[in-house]
Amino acid sequence: MFAKALVPKALVLVGICACSVLALMALGSAPRLAAAPSAASAAYSPTYTKDGDLVPPLEYRTWVYLTSGLDMSYTPKPNADMSMFDNVFVNPEAYRAFLATGTWPDKTVMVLESRGAESKGSINKSGHFQSGAVMGLEVHVKDESRFPGQWAFFDVANESKATIFPQTAACYSCHAEHAAVDTTFVQFYPTLLPIAQQKGTLSANYRKDLAAEPKK
């Protein structure tokens, strides 16, 4: 997921950075990305506007699903006033490359989708399920020739625009210091972590964090 720099509760957790989802929720301005899947399964490559904004990948729900997190937090005292799921998707080409190499190729695009966690509905008696409304979207893009650190985070405002987070945002340093593979939180992707372990692509910082964890 992504690392949240400014959000006290869960959204950048599974591999991206949810720096602005709460603002979207408060304003009721969560983007509506319900476009139909693209006709062909052509390889996806990120595209940008003349102003440098990312054109959001509307077809992300046809991509490879990586994981979901519920109420994850990277801070000791998360906001208890909300409960949310985050879902992470990646473009298929990048996923196939990761399976082969244990790391992400240039033009990898990851999407963090946040939805509310509900407990009362239909025949449900316990646990939580995801609400229908998308509360926020963020995109993590690897574009080696475009970004100083190869990766950048974007906040999706609407169907045509995703605005880049400045390089000074805390999500960048958090990912650099704690991500398992290539500044992404593969440690939260249960199907990919074993591949990174097998390929020997775990970052030194992640191995350091792992060694510091209390023994079970």
Protein backbone atom coordinates (compact mmCIF):
# COMPACT_ATOMS: atom_id res chain seq x y z
CA MET A 1 0.00 0.00 0.00
CA PHE A 2 1.04 3.55 0.13
CA ALA A 3 2.40 5.47 3.02
CA LYS A 4 0.26 8.18 4.38
CA ALA A 5 2.02 11.26 5.30
CA LEU A 6 -0.84 13.43 6.48
CA VAL A 7 -3.71 11.01 6.99
CA PRO A 8 -4.00 9.50 10.47
CA LYS A 9 -5.94 6.49 9.33
CA ALA A 10 -5.33 3.95 6.69
CA LEU A 11 -5.10 4.68 3.19
CA VAL A 12 -1.66 4.61 2.08
CA LEU A 13 -1.02 1.61 3.80
CA VAL A 14 -0.91 -1.08 1.43
CA GLY A 15 1.52 0.46 -0.85
CA ILE A 16 0.80 3.98 -1.85
CA CYS A 17 0.38 7.29 -0.09
CA ALA A 18 -2.98 8.53 1.10
CA CYS A 19 -2.03 12.07 1.82
CA SER A 20 -5.35 13.67 0.91
CA VAL A 21 -8.19 11.19 1.16
CA LEU A 22 -9.68 12.80 4.24
CA ALA A 23 -10.03 16.07 2.40
CA LEU A 24 -11.89 14.34 -0.42
CA MET A 25 -14.19 12.70 2.08
CA ALA A 26 -14.92 15.92 3.90
CA LEU A 27 -15.72 17.77 0.71
CA GLY A 28 -17.71 14.95 -0.78
CA SER A 29 -15.53 15.26 -3.87
CA ALA A 30 -14.21 11.74 -4.25
CA PRO A 31 -13.53 11.08 -7.92
CA ARG A 32 -15.95 8.98 -9.89
CA LEU A 33 -13.93 6.57 -11.96
CA ALA A 34 -16.53 4.16 -13.22
CA ALA A 35 -15.45 4.12 -16.82
CA ALA A 36 -15.88 0.93 -18.80
CA PRO A 37 -12.80 -1.27 -19.30
CA SER A 38 -10.74 -0.49 -22.37
CA ALA A 39 -11.59 -2.59 -25.36
CA ALA A 40 -8.17 -4.16 -25.78
CA SER A 41 -5.61 -5.36 -23.27
CA ALA A 42 -2.90 -3.11 -24.69
CA ALA A 43 0.03 -2.36 -22.43
CA TYR A 44 -0.61 0.66 -20.23
CA SER A 45 1.83 3.54 -20.03
CA PRO A 46 1.31 6.65 -17.90
CA THR A 47 0.33 9.80 -19.77
CA TYR A 48 0.46 13.39 -18.57
CA THR A 49 -1.25 16.68 -19.31
CA LYS A 50 0.65 19.70 -20.61
CA ASP A 51 0.70 20.99 -17.02
CA GLY A 52 2.42 17.87 -15.73
CA ASP A 53 -0.61 16.25 -14.13
CA LEU A 54 -1.19 12.53 -14.55
CA VAL A 55 -4.13 11.35 -16.62
CA PRO A 56 -5.80 8.86 -14.22
CA PRO A 57 -5.96 5.22 -15.37
CA LEU A 58 -9.73 4.76 -15.44
CA GLU A 59 -9.43 1.05 -16.17
CA TYR A 60 -7.51 0.24 -12.99
CA ARG A 61 -10.19 -2.16 -11.74
CA THR A 62 -9.41 -4.49 -14.64
CA TRP A 63 -5.77 -4.62 -13.48
CA VAL A 64 -4.15 -7.07 -11.07
CA TYR A 65 -5.45 -6.83 -7.51
CA LEU A 66 -2.65 -7.03 -4.94
CA THR A 67 -4.16 -6.68 -1.48
CA SER A 68 -6.55 -4.90 0.88
CA GLY A 69 -5.94 -3.33 4.27
CA LEU A 70 -8.45 -2.42 6.98
CA ASP A 71 -7.80 0.52 9.29
CA MET A 72 -4.04 0.30 8.91
CA SER A 73 -2.01 3.13 10.42
CA TYR A 74 1.65 4.11 10.48
CA THR A 75 1.15 6.32 13.53
CA PRO A 76 0.65 5.20 17.16
CA LYS A 77 -2.74 6.93 17.55
CA PRO A 78 -4.93 6.52 14.46
CA ASN A 79 -8.18 8.40 14.06
CA ALA A 80 -10.89 6.24 15.61
CA ASP A 81 -13.75 8.18 14.02
CA MET A 82 -13.68 6.27 10.76
CA SER A 83 -13.13 2.77 9.48
CA MET A 84 -11.82 2.21 5.96
CA PHE A 85 -10.54 -0.39 3.55
CA ASP A 86 -7.82 0.31 1.03
CA ASN A 87 -7.39 -1.79 -2.12
CA VAL A 88 -4.26 -1.84 -4.26
CA PHE A 89 -4.09 -2.58 -8.00
CA VAL A 90 -1.14 -2.62 -10.43
CA ASN A 91 -0.94 -2.63 -14.21
CA PRO A 92 -0.58 -6.20 -15.55
CA GLU A 93 2.72 -5.60 -17.35
CA ALA A 94 4.39 -4.49 -14.15
CA TYR A 95 2.93 -7.43 -12.25
CA ARG A 96 4.32 -9.94 -14.75
CA ALA A 97 7.72 -8.28 -14.59
CA PHE A 98 7.71 -8.49 -10.80
CA LEU A 99 6.92 -12.19 -10.91
CA ALA A 100 9.98 -12.69 -13.10
CA THR A 101 12.44 -10.35 -11.39
CA GLY A 102 11.21 -9.52 -7.89
CA THR A 103 11.17 -5.79 -8.59
CA TRP A 104 9.17 -3.21 -10.52
CA PRO A 105 9.96 -2.12 -14.09
CA ASP A 106 9.85 1.40 -15.45
CA LYS A 107 6.25 2.59 -16.09
CA THR A 108 4.82 0.65 -13.14
CA VAL A 109 1.53 2.21 -12.04
CA MET A 110 -0.13 1.33 -8.73
CA VAL A 111 -3.56 2.58 -7.64
CA LEU A 112 -4.78 2.86 -4.04
CA GLU A 113 -8.57 2.87 -3.81
CA SER A 114 -10.18 3.72 -0.45
CA ARG A 115 -13.71 2.67 0.57
CA GLY A 116 -15.63 2.88 3.81
CA ALA A 117 -15.93 -0.18 6.07
CA GLU A 118 -19.53 -1.11 6.91
CA SER A 119 -20.84 -3.70 9.35
CA LYS A 120 -24.62 -3.41 9.06
CA GLY A 121 -26.20 -4.47 5.81
CA SER A 122 -28.23 -7.26 4.25
CA ILE A 123 -27.69 -10.51 6.18
CA ASN A 124 -24.33 -9.58 7.70
CA LYS A 125 -24.09 -10.21 11.46
CA SER A 126 -20.40 -9.63 12.19
CA GLY A 127 -17.22 -8.36 10.62
CA HIS A 128 -16.95 -5.68 7.95
CA PHE A 129 -17.56 -5.28 4.23
CA GLN A 130 -16.68 -2.48 1.82
CA SER A 131 -19.14 0.28 0.98
CA GLY A 132 -19.94 1.06 -2.62
CA ALA A 133 -18.63 4.62 -2.72
CA VAL A 134 -14.98 5.31 -3.54
CA MET A 135 -13.74 7.69 -0.85
CA GLY A 136 -10.41 8.51 -2.45
CA LEU A 137 -7.82 7.47 -5.03
CA GLU A 138 -4.08 7.82 -5.22
CA VAL A 139 -1.60 6.66 -7.84
CA HIS A 140 2.06 5.68 -7.42
CA VAL A 141 3.99 5.89 -10.70
CA LYS A 142 7.49 4.78 -11.63
CA ASP A 143 8.78 6.92 -14.48
CA GLU A 144 12.55 6.89 -14.29
CA SER A 145 13.26 9.67 -16.77
CA ARG A 146 10.59 12.00 -15.40
CA PHE A 147 10.89 12.00 -11.60
CA PRO A 148 14.05 12.73 -9.56
CA GLY A 149 13.55 9.67 -7.36
CA GLN A 150 12.06 7.59 -10.21
CA TRP A 151 8.70 7.37 -8.38
CA ALA A 152 5.97 9.93 -7.73
CA PHE A 153 2.63 10.02 -5.90
CA PHE A 154 -0.52 11.56 -7.36
CA ASP A 155 -3.85 12.54 -5.84
CA VAL A 156 -6.78 11.82 -8.19
CA ALA A 157 -9.07 14.83 -8.24
CA ASN A 158 -11.39 13.79 -11.10
CA GLU A 159 -11.54 11.64 -14.21
CA SER A 160 -9.07 13.79 -16.13
CA LYS A 161 -6.59 15.00 -13.54
CA ALA A 162 -4.30 13.56 -10.85
CA THR A 163 -2.07 16.12 -9.13
CA ILE A 164 1.45 15.25 -8.07
CA PHE A 165 2.47 15.38 -4.42
CA PRO A 166 5.59 17.54 -3.94
CA GLN A 167 8.84 15.69 -3.36
CA THR A 168 8.92 17.18 0.15
CA ALA A 169 5.77 15.25 1.17
CA ALA A 170 6.42 12.76 3.97
CA CYS A 171 5.13 9.84 1.90
CA TYR A 172 8.33 9.87 -0.18
CA SER A 173 10.69 9.58 2.77
CA CYS A 174 8.46 6.99 4.47
CA HIS A 175 8.53 4.75 1.42
CA ALA A 176 12.26 5.22 0.94
CA GLU A 177 12.98 4.35 4.57
CA HIS A 178 10.61 1.42 5.11
CA ALA A 179 9.43 -0.11 1.82
CA ALA A 180 10.39 -3.72 1.18
CA VAL A 181 11.06 -3.41 -2.56
CA ASP A 182 11.91 -0.37 -4.69
CA THR A 183 10.07 2.13 -2.43
CA THR A 184 6.86 0.05 -2.45
CA PHE A 185 5.33 -1.72 0.53
CA VAL A 186 5.62 -5.23 -0.80
CA GLN A 187 5.73 -6.41 2.82
CA PHE A 188 1.95 -5.93 2.78
CA TYR A 189 1.42 -7.86 -0.48
CA PRO A 190 1.20 -11.51 0.62
CA THR A 191 1.55 -12.99 -2.86
CA LEU A 192 4.58 -10.89 -3.81
CA LEU A 193 6.68 -10.85 -0.65
CA PRO A 194 7.78 -14.50 -1.08
CA ILE A 195 8.89 -13.68 -4.64
CA ALA A 196 11.01 -10.77 -3.44
CA GLN A 197 12.52 -13.00 -0.80
CA GLN A 198 13.31 -15.67 -3.37
CA LYS A 199 14.81 -13.17 -5.83
CA GLY A 200 16.82 -11.40 -3.13
CA THR A 201 15.34 -7.97 -3.88
CA LEU A 202 14.34 -6.90 -0.35
CA SER A 203 15.71 -3.47 0.53
CA ALA A 204 18.39 -2.99 3.17
CA ASN A 205 16.11 -0.62 5.10
CA TYR A 206 13.32 -3.18 5.20
CA ARG A 207 15.70 -5.90 6.38
CA LYS A 208 16.85 -3.52 9.10
CA ASP A 209 13.24 -2.89 10.18
CA LEU A 210 12.60 -6.62 10.14
CA ALA A 211 15.58 -7.34 12.35
CA ALA A 212 14.39 -4.73 14.84
CA GLU A 213 10.92 -6.23 15.22
CA PRO A 214 10.22 -7.94 18.56
CA LYS A 215 10.59 -11.71 18.38
CA LYS A 216 7.31 -13.59 18.52
